[in-house]
Amino acid sequence: LRCMSHPDTVFSISDIADKFDHTEK
């Protein structure tokens, strides 16, 4: 939802995993 405030936001699964210190799985 936060990313939706910036239209056409491009990111990857690895970016999100790194953001929250998760694994891609």
mmCIF file of all heavy atoms, coordinates in Angstrom:
data_MODEL
# 
_entry.id   MODEL 
# 
loop_
_atom_site.group_PDB 
_atom_site.id 
_atom_site.type_symbol 
_atom_site.label_atom_id 
_atom_site.label_alt_id 
_atom_site.label_comp_id 
_atom_site.label_asym_id 
_atom_site.label_entity_id 
_atom_site.label_seq_id 
_atom_site.pdbx_PDB_ins_code 
_atom_site.Cartn_x 
_atom_site.Cartn_y 
_atom_site.Cartn_z 
_atom_site.occupancy 
_atom_site.B_iso_or_equiv 
_atom_site.pdbx_formal_charge 
_atom_site.auth_seq_id 
_atom_site.auth_comp_id 
_atom_site.auth_asym_id 
_atom_site.auth_atom_id 
_atom_site.pdbx_PDB_model_num 
ATOM 1   N N   . LEU A 1 1  ? 0.832  -1.207  0.000   1.00 0.00 ? 1  LEU A N   1 
ATOM 2   C CA  . LEU A 1 1  ? 0.000  0.000   0.000   1.00 0.00 ? 1  LEU A CA  1 
ATOM 3   C C   . LEU A 1 1  ? 0.864  1.253   0.000   1.00 0.00 ? 1  LEU A C   1 
ATOM 4   O O   . LEU A 1 1  ? 0.568  2.237   -0.690  1.00 0.00 ? 1  LEU A O   1 
ATOM 5   C CB  . LEU A 1 1  ? -0.927 -0.003  1.219   1.00 0.00 ? 1  LEU A CB  1 
ATOM 6   C CG  . LEU A 1 1  ? -2.026 -1.069  1.269   1.00 0.00 ? 1  LEU A CG  1 
ATOM 7   C CD1 . LEU A 1 1  ? -2.820 -0.933  2.568   1.00 0.00 ? 1  LEU A CD1 1 
ATOM 8   C CD2 . LEU A 1 1  ? -2.955 -0.949  0.068   1.00 0.00 ? 1  LEU A CD2 1 
ATOM 9   N N   . ARG A 1 2  ? 1.942  1.210   0.787   1.00 0.00 ? 2  ARG A N   1 
ATOM 10  C CA  . ARG A 1 2  ? 2.857  2.365   0.846   1.00 0.00 ? 2  ARG A CA  1 
ATOM 11  C C   . ARG A 1 2  ? 3.480  2.625   -0.523  1.00 0.00 ? 2  ARG A C   1 
ATOM 12  O O   . ARG A 1 2  ? 3.598  3.783   -0.960  1.00 0.00 ? 2  ARG A O   1 
ATOM 13  C CB  . ARG A 1 2  ? 3.953  2.092   1.874   1.00 0.00 ? 2  ARG A CB  1 
ATOM 14  C CG  . ARG A 1 2  ? 5.107  3.090   1.870   1.00 0.00 ? 2  ARG A CG  1 
ATOM 15  C CD  . ARG A 1 2  ? 4.639  4.450   2.331   1.00 0.00 ? 2  ARG A CD  1 
ATOM 16  N NE  . ARG A 1 2  ? 5.745  5.404   2.342   1.00 0.00 ? 2  ARG A NE  1 
ATOM 17  C CZ  . ARG A 1 2  ? 6.131  6.121   1.298   1.00 0.00 ? 2  ARG A CZ  1 
ATOM 18  N NH1 . ARG A 1 2  ? 5.514  5.978   0.122   1.00 0.00 ? 2  ARG A NH1 1 
ATOM 19  N NH2 . ARG A 1 2  ? 7.132  6.973   1.397   1.00 0.00 ? 2  ARG A NH2 1 
ATOM 20  N N   . CYS A 1 3  ? 3.872  1.563   -1.212  1.00 0.00 ? 3  CYS A N   1 
ATOM 21  C CA  . CYS A 1 3  ? 4.500  1.717   -2.527  1.00 0.00 ? 3  CYS A CA  1 
ATOM 22  C C   . CYS A 1 3  ? 3.515  2.261   -3.562  1.00 0.00 ? 3  CYS A C   1 
ATOM 23  O O   . CYS A 1 3  ? 3.922  2.886   -4.546  1.00 0.00 ? 3  CYS A O   1 
ATOM 24  C CB  . CYS A 1 3  ? 5.060  0.380   -3.012  1.00 0.00 ? 3  CYS A CB  1 
ATOM 25  S SG  . CYS A 1 3  ? 6.496  -0.194  -2.064  1.00 0.00 ? 3  CYS A SG  1 
ATOM 26  N N   . MET A 1 4  ? 2.222  2.048   -3.338  1.00 0.00 ? 4  MET A N   1 
ATOM 27  C CA  . MET A 1 4  ? 1.223  2.526   -4.277  1.00 0.00 ? 4  MET A CA  1 
ATOM 28  C C   . MET A 1 4  ? 1.154  4.046   -4.317  1.00 0.00 ? 4  MET A C   1 
ATOM 29  O O   . MET A 1 4  ? 0.618  4.623   -5.257  1.00 0.00 ? 4  MET A O   1 
ATOM 30  C CB  . MET A 1 4  ? -0.163 1.963   -3.921  1.00 0.00 ? 4  MET A CB  1 
ATOM 31  C CG  . MET A 1 4  ? -0.330 0.492   -4.245  1.00 0.00 ? 4  MET A CG  1 
ATOM 32  S SD  . MET A 1 4  ? -0.184 0.150   -6.009  1.00 0.00 ? 4  MET A SD  1 
ATOM 33  C CE  . MET A 1 4  ? -1.648 0.984   -6.616  1.00 0.00 ? 4  MET A CE  1 
ATOM 34  N N   . SER A 1 5  ? 1.717  4.707   -3.324  1.00 0.00 ? 5  SER A N   1 
ATOM 35  C CA  . SER A 1 5  ? 1.724  6.183   -3.330  1.00 0.00 ? 5  SER A CA  1 
ATOM 36  C C   . SER A 1 5  ? 2.699  6.726   -4.357  1.00 0.00 ? 5  SER A C   1 
ATOM 37  O O   . SER A 1 5  ? 2.710  7.919   -4.645  1.00 0.00 ? 5  SER A O   1 
ATOM 38  C CB  . SER A 1 5  ? 2.091  6.711   -1.931  1.00 0.00 ? 5  SER A CB  1 
ATOM 39  O OG  . SER A 1 5  ? 3.398  6.301   -1.559  1.00 0.00 ? 5  SER A OG  1 
ATOM 40  N N   . HIS A 1 6  ? 3.545  5.842   -4.890  1.00 0.00 ? 6  HIS A N   1 
ATOM 41  C CA  . HIS A 1 6  ? 4.457  6.203   -5.974  1.00 0.00 ? 6  HIS A CA  1 
ATOM 42  C C   . HIS A 1 6  ? 4.080  5.375   -7.187  1.00 0.00 ? 6  HIS A C   1 
ATOM 43  O O   . HIS A 1 6  ? 4.477  4.217   -7.300  1.00 0.00 ? 6  HIS A O   1 
ATOM 44  C CB  . HIS A 1 6  ? 5.915  5.935   -5.583  1.00 0.00 ? 6  HIS A CB  1 
ATOM 45  C CG  . HIS A 1 6  ? 6.386  6.768   -4.449  1.00 0.00 ? 6  HIS A CG  1 
ATOM 46  N ND1 . HIS A 1 6  ? 6.786  8.072   -4.607  1.00 0.00 ? 6  HIS A ND1 1 
ATOM 47  C CD2 . HIS A 1 6  ? 6.501  6.500   -3.127  1.00 0.00 ? 6  HIS A CD2 1 
ATOM 48  C CE1 . HIS A 1 6  ? 7.143  8.565   -3.423  1.00 0.00 ? 6  HIS A CE1 1 
ATOM 49  N NE2 . HIS A 1 6  ? 6.973  7.628   -2.516  1.00 0.00 ? 6  HIS A NE2 1 
ATOM 50  N N   . PRO A 1 7  ? 3.296  5.917   -8.127  1.00 0.00 ? 7  PRO A N   1 
ATOM 51  C CA  . PRO A 1 7  ? 2.840  5.146   -9.293  1.00 0.00 ? 7  PRO A CA  1 
ATOM 52  C C   . PRO A 1 7  ? 4.009  4.520   -10.055 1.00 0.00 ? 7  PRO A C   1 
ATOM 53  O O   . PRO A 1 7  ? 5.088  5.081   -10.146 1.00 0.00 ? 7  PRO A O   1 
ATOM 54  C CB  . PRO A 1 7  ? 2.131  6.208   -10.144 1.00 0.00 ? 7  PRO A CB  1 
ATOM 55  C CG  . PRO A 1 7  ? 1.712  7.261   -9.162  1.00 0.00 ? 7  PRO A CG  1 
ATOM 56  C CD  . PRO A 1 7  ? 2.806  7.288   -8.135  1.00 0.00 ? 7  PRO A CD  1 
ATOM 57  N N   . ASP A 1 8  ? 3.717  3.352   -10.616 1.00 0.00 ? 8  ASP A N   1 
ATOM 58  C CA  . ASP A 1 8  ? 4.698  2.629   -11.430 1.00 0.00 ? 8  ASP A CA  1 
ATOM 59  C C   . ASP A 1 8  ? 5.961  2.268   -10.652 1.00 0.00 ? 8  ASP A C   1 
ATOM 60  O O   . ASP A 1 8  ? 7.061  2.209   -11.195 1.00 0.00 ? 8  ASP A O   1 
ATOM 61  C CB  . ASP A 1 8  ? 5.096  3.426   -12.673 1.00 0.00 ? 8  ASP A CB  1 
ATOM 62  C CG  . ASP A 1 8  ? 3.900  3.736   -13.560 1.00 0.00 ? 8  ASP A CG  1 
ATOM 63  O OD1 . ASP A 1 8  ? 3.012  2.867   -13.648 1.00 0.00 ? 8  ASP A OD1 1 
ATOM 64  O OD2 . ASP A 1 8  ? 3.867  4.825   -14.146 1.00 0.00 ? 8  ASP A OD2 1 
ATOM 65  N N   . THR A 1 9  ? 5.792  2.051   -9.344  1.00 0.00 ? 9  THR A N   1 
ATOM 66  C CA  . THR A 1 9  ? 6.928  1.622   -8.543  1.00 0.00 ? 9  THR A CA  1 
ATOM 67  C C   . THR A 1 9  ? 7.425  0.258   -9.016  1.00 0.00 ? 9  THR A C   1 
ATOM 68  O O   . THR A 1 9  ? 6.637  -0.656  -9.221  1.00 0.00 ? 9  THR A O   1 
ATOM 69  C CB  . THR A 1 9  ? 6.540  1.519   -7.054  1.00 0.00 ? 9  THR A CB  1 
ATOM 70  O OG1 . THR A 1 9  ? 6.159  2.806   -6.592  1.00 0.00 ? 9  THR A OG1 1 
ATOM 71  C CG2 . THR A 1 9  ? 7.716  1.015   -6.218  1.00 0.00 ? 9  THR A CG2 1 
ATOM 72  N N   . VAL A 1 10 ? 8.722  0.148   -9.215  1.00 0.00 ? 10 VAL A N   1 
ATOM 73  C CA  . VAL A 1 10 ? 9.306  -1.113  -9.656  1.00 0.00 ? 10 VAL A CA  1 
ATOM 74  C C   . VAL A 1 10 ? 10.208 -1.660  -8.548  1.00 0.00 ? 10 VAL A C   1 
ATOM 75  O O   . VAL A 1 10 ? 11.071 -0.947  -8.055  1.00 0.00 ? 10 VAL A O   1 
ATOM 76  C CB  . VAL A 1 10 ? 10.123 -0.937  -10.952 1.00 0.00 ? 10 VAL A CB  1 
ATOM 77  C CG1 . VAL A 1 10 ? 10.763 -2.256  -11.353 1.00 0.00 ? 10 VAL A CG1 1 
ATOM 78  C CG2 . VAL A 1 10 ? 9.239  -0.417  -12.081 1.00 0.00 ? 10 VAL A CG2 1 
ATOM 79  N N   . PHE A 1 11 ? 9.980  -2.872  -8.143  1.00 0.00 ? 11 PHE A N   1 
ATOM 80  C CA  . PHE A 1 11 ? 10.832 -3.496  -7.137  1.00 0.00 ? 11 PHE A CA  1 
ATOM 81  C C   . PHE A 1 11 ? 10.808 -4.994  -7.362  1.00 0.00 ? 11 PHE A C   1 
ATOM 82  O O   . PHE A 1 11 ? 10.099 -5.497  -8.223  1.00 0.00 ? 11 PHE A O   1 
ATOM 83  C CB  . PHE A 1 11 ? 10.364 -3.144  -5.715  1.00 0.00 ? 11 PHE A CB  1 
ATOM 84  C CG  . PHE A 1 11 ? 8.917  -3.445  -5.462  1.00 0.00 ? 11 PHE A CG  1 
ATOM 85  C CD1 . PHE A 1 11 ? 8.502  -4.730  -5.162  1.00 0.00 ? 11 PHE A CD1 1 
ATOM 86  C CD2 . PHE A 1 11 ? 7.965  -2.447  -5.527  1.00 0.00 ? 11 PHE A CD2 1 
ATOM 87  C CE1 . PHE A 1 11 ? 7.164  -5.010  -4.934  1.00 0.00 ? 11 PHE A CE1 1 
ATOM 88  C CE2 . PHE A 1 11 ? 6.628  -2.722  -5.299  1.00 0.00 ? 11 PHE A CE2 1 
ATOM 89  C CZ  . PHE A 1 11 ? 6.230  -3.988  -5.005  1.00 0.00 ? 11 PHE A CZ  1 
ATOM 90  N N   . SER A 1 12 ? 11.610 -5.709  -6.606  1.00 0.00 ? 12 SER A N   1 
ATOM 91  C CA  . SER A 1 12 ? 11.710 -7.161  -6.767  1.00 0.00 ? 12 SER A CA  1 
ATOM 92  C C   . SER A 1 12 ? 11.401 -7.853  -5.443  1.00 0.00 ? 12 SER A C   1 
ATOM 93  O O   . SER A 1 12 ? 11.334 -7.212  -4.387  1.00 0.00 ? 12 SER A O   1 
ATOM 94  C CB  . SER A 1 12 ? 13.115 -7.547  -7.242  1.00 0.00 ? 12 SER A CB  1 
ATOM 95  O OG  . SER A 1 12 ? 14.069 -7.240  -6.234  1.00 0.00 ? 12 SER A OG  1 
ATOM 96  N N   . ILE A 1 13 ? 11.204 -9.157  -5.528  1.00 0.00 ? 13 ILE A N   1 
ATOM 97  C CA  . ILE A 1 13 ? 10.976 -9.948  -4.324  1.00 0.00 ? 13 ILE A CA  1 
ATOM 98  C C   . ILE A 1 13 ? 12.169 -9.810  -3.376  1.00 0.00 ? 13 ILE A C   1 
ATOM 99  O O   . ILE A 1 13 ? 12.009 -9.706  -2.165  1.00 0.00 ? 13 ILE A O   1 
ATOM 100 C CB  . ILE A 1 13 ? 10.768 -11.430 -4.687  1.00 0.00 ? 13 ILE A CB  1 
ATOM 101 C CG1 . ILE A 1 13 ? 9.481  -11.603 -5.514  1.00 0.00 ? 13 ILE A CG1 1 
ATOM 102 C CG2 . ILE A 1 13 ? 10.684 -12.287 -3.427  1.00 0.00 ? 13 ILE A CG2 1 
ATOM 103 C CD1 . ILE A 1 13 ? 8.223  -11.263 -4.782  1.00 0.00 ? 13 ILE A CD1 1 
ATOM 104 N N   . SER A 1 14 ? 13.383 -9.800  -3.949  1.00 0.00 ? 14 SER A N   1 
ATOM 105 C CA  . SER A 1 14 ? 14.583 -9.682  -3.116  1.00 0.00 ? 14 SER A CA  1 
ATOM 106 C C   . SER A 1 14 ? 14.635 -8.331  -2.412  1.00 0.00 ? 14 SER A C   1 
ATOM 107 O O   . SER A 1 14 ? 15.130 -8.227  -1.286  1.00 0.00 ? 14 SER A O   1 
ATOM 108 C CB  . SER A 1 14 ? 15.846 -9.901  -3.954  1.00 0.00 ? 14 SER A CB  1 
ATOM 109 O OG  . SER A 1 14 ? 15.937 -8.934  -4.981  1.00 0.00 ? 14 SER A OG  1 
ATOM 110 N N   . ASP A 1 15 ? 14.127 -7.274  -3.065  1.00 0.00 ? 15 ASP A N   1 
ATOM 111 C CA  . ASP A 1 15 ? 14.097 -5.952  -2.429  1.00 0.00 ? 15 ASP A CA  1 
ATOM 112 C C   . ASP A 1 15 ? 13.201 -5.971  -1.193  1.00 0.00 ? 15 ASP A C   1 
ATOM 113 O O   . ASP A 1 15 ? 13.553 -5.424  -0.142  1.00 0.00 ? 15 ASP A O   1 
ATOM 114 C CB  . ASP A 1 15 ? 13.588 -4.898  -3.414  1.00 0.00 ? 15 ASP A CB  1 
ATOM 115 C CG  . ASP A 1 15 ? 14.560 -4.641  -4.551  1.00 0.00 ? 15 ASP A CG  1 
ATOM 116 O OD1 . ASP A 1 15 ? 15.775 -4.848  -4.334  1.00 0.00 ? 15 ASP A OD1 1 
ATOM 117 O OD2 . ASP A 1 15 ? 14.124 -4.237  -5.642  1.00 0.00 ? 15 ASP A OD2 1 
ATOM 118 N N   . ILE A 1 16 ? 12.022 -6.588  -1.336  1.00 0.00 ? 16 ILE A N   1 
ATOM 119 C CA  . ILE A 1 16 ? 11.100 -6.672  -0.201  1.00 0.00 ? 16 ILE A CA  1 
ATOM 120 C C   . ILE A 1 16 ? 11.693 -7.535  0.916   1.00 0.00 ? 16 ILE A C   1 
ATOM 121 O O   . ILE A 1 16 ? 11.595 -7.206  2.097   1.00 0.00 ? 16 ILE A O   1 
ATOM 122 C CB  . ILE A 1 16 ? 9.742  -7.246  -0.646  1.00 0.00 ? 16 ILE A CB  1 
ATOM 123 C CG1 . ILE A 1 16 ? 9.152  -6.390  -1.773  1.00 0.00 ? 16 ILE A CG1 1 
ATOM 124 C CG2 . ILE A 1 16 ? 8.773  -7.316  0.527   1.00 0.00 ? 16 ILE A CG2 1 
ATOM 125 C CD1 . ILE A 1 16 ? 7.841  -6.927  -2.316  1.00 0.00 ? 16 ILE A CD1 1 
ATOM 126 N N   . ALA A 1 17 ? 12.324 -8.649  0.527   1.00 0.00 ? 17 ALA A N   1 
ATOM 127 C CA  . ALA A 1 17 ? 12.944 -9.538  1.525   1.00 0.00 ? 17 ALA A CA  1 
ATOM 128 C C   . ALA A 1 17 ? 14.015 -8.792  2.304   1.00 0.00 ? 17 ALA A C   1 
ATOM 129 O O   . ALA A 1 17 ? 14.122 -8.927  3.532   1.00 0.00 ? 17 ALA A O   1 
ATOM 130 C CB  . ALA A 1 17 ? 13.541 -10.756 0.816   1.00 0.00 ? 17 ALA A CB  1 
ATOM 131 N N   . ASP A 1 18 ? 14.807 -7.984  1.605   1.00 0.00 ? 18 ASP A N   1 
ATOM 132 C CA  . ASP A 1 18 ? 15.869 -7.216  2.249   1.00 0.00 ? 18 ASP A CA  1 
ATOM 133 C C   . ASP A 1 18 ? 15.278 -6.158  3.165   1.00 0.00 ? 18 ASP A C   1 
ATOM 134 O O   . ASP A 1 18 ? 15.804 -5.890  4.247   1.00 0.00 ? 18 ASP A O   1 
ATOM 135 C CB  . ASP A 1 18 ? 16.753 -6.579  1.176   1.00 0.00 ? 18 ASP A CB  1 
ATOM 136 C CG  . ASP A 1 18 ? 17.993 -5.933  1.772   1.00 0.00 ? 18 ASP A CG  1 
ATOM 137 O OD1 . ASP A 1 18 ? 18.594 -6.526  2.683   1.00 0.00 ? 18 ASP A OD1 1 
ATOM 138 O OD2 . ASP A 1 18 ? 18.363 -4.829  1.332   1.00 0.00 ? 18 ASP A OD2 1 
ATOM 139 N N   . LYS A 1 19 ? 14.171 -5.561  2.756   1.00 0.00 ? 19 LYS A N   1 
ATOM 140 C CA  . LYS A 1 19 ? 13.517 -4.515  3.540   1.00 0.00 ? 19 LYS A CA  1 
ATOM 141 C C   . LYS A 1 19 ? 13.105 -5.026  4.914   1.00 0.00 ? 19 LYS A C   1 
ATOM 142 O O   . LYS A 1 19 ? 13.262 -4.337  5.928   1.00 0.00 ? 19 LYS A O   1 
ATOM 143 C CB  . LYS A 1 19 ? 12.287 -4.014  2.772   1.00 0.00 ? 19 LYS A CB  1 
ATOM 144 C CG  . LYS A 1 19 ? 11.426 -3.004  3.495   1.00 0.00 ? 19 LYS A CG  1 
ATOM 145 C CD  . LYS A 1 19 ? 12.065 -1.639  3.499   1.00 0.00 ? 19 LYS A CD  1 
ATOM 146 C CE  . LYS A 1 19 ? 11.118 -0.614  4.119   1.00 0.00 ? 19 LYS A CE  1 
ATOM 147 N NZ  . LYS A 1 19 ? 11.745 0.728   4.161   1.00 0.00 ? 19 LYS A NZ  1 
ATOM 148 N N   . PHE A 1 20 ? 12.575 -6.257  4.950   1.00 0.00 ? 20 PHE A N   1 
ATOM 149 C CA  . PHE A 1 20 ? 12.055 -6.800  6.206   1.00 0.00 ? 20 PHE A CA  1 
ATOM 150 C C   . PHE A 1 20 ? 12.928 -7.903  6.799   1.00 0.00 ? 20 PHE A C   1 
ATOM 151 O O   . PHE A 1 20 ? 12.515 -8.577  7.733   1.00 0.00 ? 20 PHE A O   1 
ATOM 152 C CB  . PHE A 1 20 ? 10.633 -7.337  5.975   1.00 0.00 ? 20 PHE A CB  1 
ATOM 153 C CG  . PHE A 1 20 ? 9.628  -6.268  5.647   1.00 0.00 ? 20 PHE A CG  1 
ATOM 154 C CD1 . PHE A 1 20 ? 9.253  -6.037  4.335   1.00 0.00 ? 20 PHE A CD1 1 
ATOM 155 C CD2 . PHE A 1 20 ? 9.092  -5.475  6.641   1.00 0.00 ? 20 PHE A CD2 1 
ATOM 156 C CE1 . PHE A 1 20 ? 8.341  -5.044  4.021   1.00 0.00 ? 20 PHE A CE1 1 
ATOM 157 C CE2 . PHE A 1 20 ? 8.181  -4.486  6.344   1.00 0.00 ? 20 PHE A CE2 1 
ATOM 158 C CZ  . PHE A 1 20 ? 7.805  -4.258  5.027   1.00 0.00 ? 20 PHE A CZ  1 
ATOM 159 N N   . ASP A 1 21 ? 14.114 -8.083  6.218   1.00 0.00 ? 21 ASP A N   1 
ATOM 160 C CA  . ASP A 1 21 ? 15.025 -9.116  6.706   1.00 0.00 ? 21 ASP A CA  1 
ATOM 161 C C   . ASP A 1 21 ? 14.366 -10.488 6.661   1.00 0.00 ? 21 ASP A C   1 
ATOM 162 O O   . ASP A 1 21 ? 14.491 -11.303 7.574   1.00 0.00 ? 21 ASP A O   1 
ATOM 163 C CB  . ASP A 1 21 ? 15.486 -8.796  8.135   1.00 0.00 ? 21 ASP A CB  1 
ATOM 164 C CG  . ASP A 1 21 ? 16.826 -9.448  8.445   1.00 0.00 ? 21 ASP A CG  1 
ATOM 165 O OD1 . ASP A 1 21 ? 17.453 -9.982  7.510   1.00 0.00 ? 21 ASP A OD1 1 
ATOM 166 O OD2 . ASP A 1 21 ? 17.245 -9.424  9.614   1.00 0.00 ? 21 ASP A OD2 1 
ATOM 167 N N   . HIS A 1 22 ? 13.632 -10.740 5.554   1.00 0.00 ? 22 HIS A N   1 
ATOM 168 C CA  . HIS A 1 22 ? 12.997 -12.034 5.323   1.00 0.00 ? 22 HIS A CA  1 
ATOM 169 C C   . HIS A 1 22 ? 13.775 -12.788 4.257   1.00 0.00 ? 22 HIS A C   1 
ATOM 170 O O   . HIS A 1 22 ? 14.701 -12.260 3.646   1.00 0.00 ? 22 HIS A O   1 
ATOM 171 C CB  . HIS A 1 22 ? 11.553 -11.857 4.826   1.00 0.00 ? 22 HIS A CB  1 
ATOM 172 C CG  . HIS A 1 22 ? 10.619 -11.353 5.866   1.00 0.00 ? 22 HIS A CG  1 
ATOM 173 N ND1 . HIS A 1 22 ? 10.910 -11.328 7.208   1.00 0.00 ? 22 HIS A ND1 1 
ATOM 174 C CD2 . HIS A 1 22 ? 9.360  -10.834 5.757   1.00 0.00 ? 22 HIS A CD2 1 
ATOM 175 C CE1 . HIS A 1 22 ? 9.882  -10.835 7.882   1.00 0.00 ? 22 HIS A CE1 1 
ATOM 176 N NE2 . HIS A 1 22 ? 8.932  -10.513 7.018   1.00 0.00 ? 22 HIS A NE2 1 
ATOM 177 N N   . THR A 1 23 ? 13.346 -14.009 3.997   1.00 0.00 ? 23 THR A N   1 
ATOM 178 C CA  . THR A 1 23 ? 13.824 -14.729 2.825   1.00 0.00 ? 23 THR A CA  1 
ATOM 179 C C   . THR A 1 23 ? 12.832 -14.460 1.685   1.00 0.00 ? 23 THR A C   1 
ATOM 180 O O   . THR A 1 23 ? 11.690 -14.049 1.924   1.00 0.00 ? 23 THR A O   1 
ATOM 181 C CB  . THR A 1 23 ? 13.900 -16.247 3.077   1.00 0.00 ? 23 THR A CB  1 
ATOM 182 O OG1 . THR A 1 23 ? 12.578 -16.745 3.321   1.00 0.00 ? 23 THR A OG1 1 
ATOM 183 C CG2 . THR A 1 23 ? 14.786 -16.543 4.287   1.00 0.00 ? 23 THR A CG2 1 
ATOM 184 N N   . GLU A 1 24 ? 13.260 -14.683 0.445   1.00 0.00 ? 24 GLU A N   1 
ATOM 185 C CA  . GLU A 1 24 ? 12.368 -14.472 -0.688  1.00 0.00 ? 24 GLU A CA  1 
ATOM 186 C C   . GLU A 1 24 ? 11.167 -15.421 -0.607  1.00 0.00 ? 24 GLU A C   1 
ATOM 187 O O   . GLU A 1 24 ? 10.058 -15.083 -1.030  1.00 0.00 ? 24 GLU A O   1 
ATOM 188 C CB  . GLU A 1 24 ? 13.127 -14.693 -1.994  1.00 0.00 ? 24 GLU A CB  1 
ATOM 189 C CG  . GLU A 1 24 ? 14.165 -13.609 -2.264  1.00 0.00 ? 24 GLU A CG  1 
ATOM 190 C CD  . GLU A 1 24 ? 14.794 -13.749 -3.641  1.00 0.00 ? 24 GLU A CD  1 
ATOM 191 O OE1 . GLU A 1 24 ? 14.295 -14.544 -4.450  1.00 0.00 ? 24 GLU A OE1 1 
ATOM 192 O OE2 . GLU A 1 24 ? 15.783 -13.047 -3.908  1.00 0.00 ? 24 GLU A OE2 1 
ATOM 193 N N   . LYS A 1 25 ? 11.397 -16.607 -0.080  1.00 0.00 ? 25 LYS A N   1 
ATOM 194 C CA  . LYS A 1 25 ? 10.312 -17.573 0.076   1.00 0.00 ? 25 LYS A CA  1 
ATOM 195 C C   . LYS A 1 25 ? 9.249  -17.033 1.024   1.00 0.00 ? 25 LYS A C   1 
ATOM 196 O O   . LYS A 1 25 ? 8.044  -17.242 0.805   1.00 0.00 ? 25 LYS A O   1 
ATOM 197 C CB  . LYS A 1 25 ? 10.884 -18.893 0.606   1.00 0.00 ? 25 LYS A CB  1 
ATOM 198 C CG  . LYS A 1 25 ? 9.869  -20.019 0.687   1.00 0.00 ? 25 LYS A CG  1 
ATOM 199 C CD  . LYS A 1 25 ? 10.542 -21.303 1.148   1.00 0.00 ? 25 LYS A CD  1 
ATOM 200 C CE  . LYS A 1 25 ? 9.546  -22.444 1.242   1.00 0.00 ? 25 LYS A CE  1 
ATOM 201 N NZ  . LYS A 1 25 ? 10.192 -23.705 1.713   1.00 0.00 ? 25 LYS A NZ  1 
# 
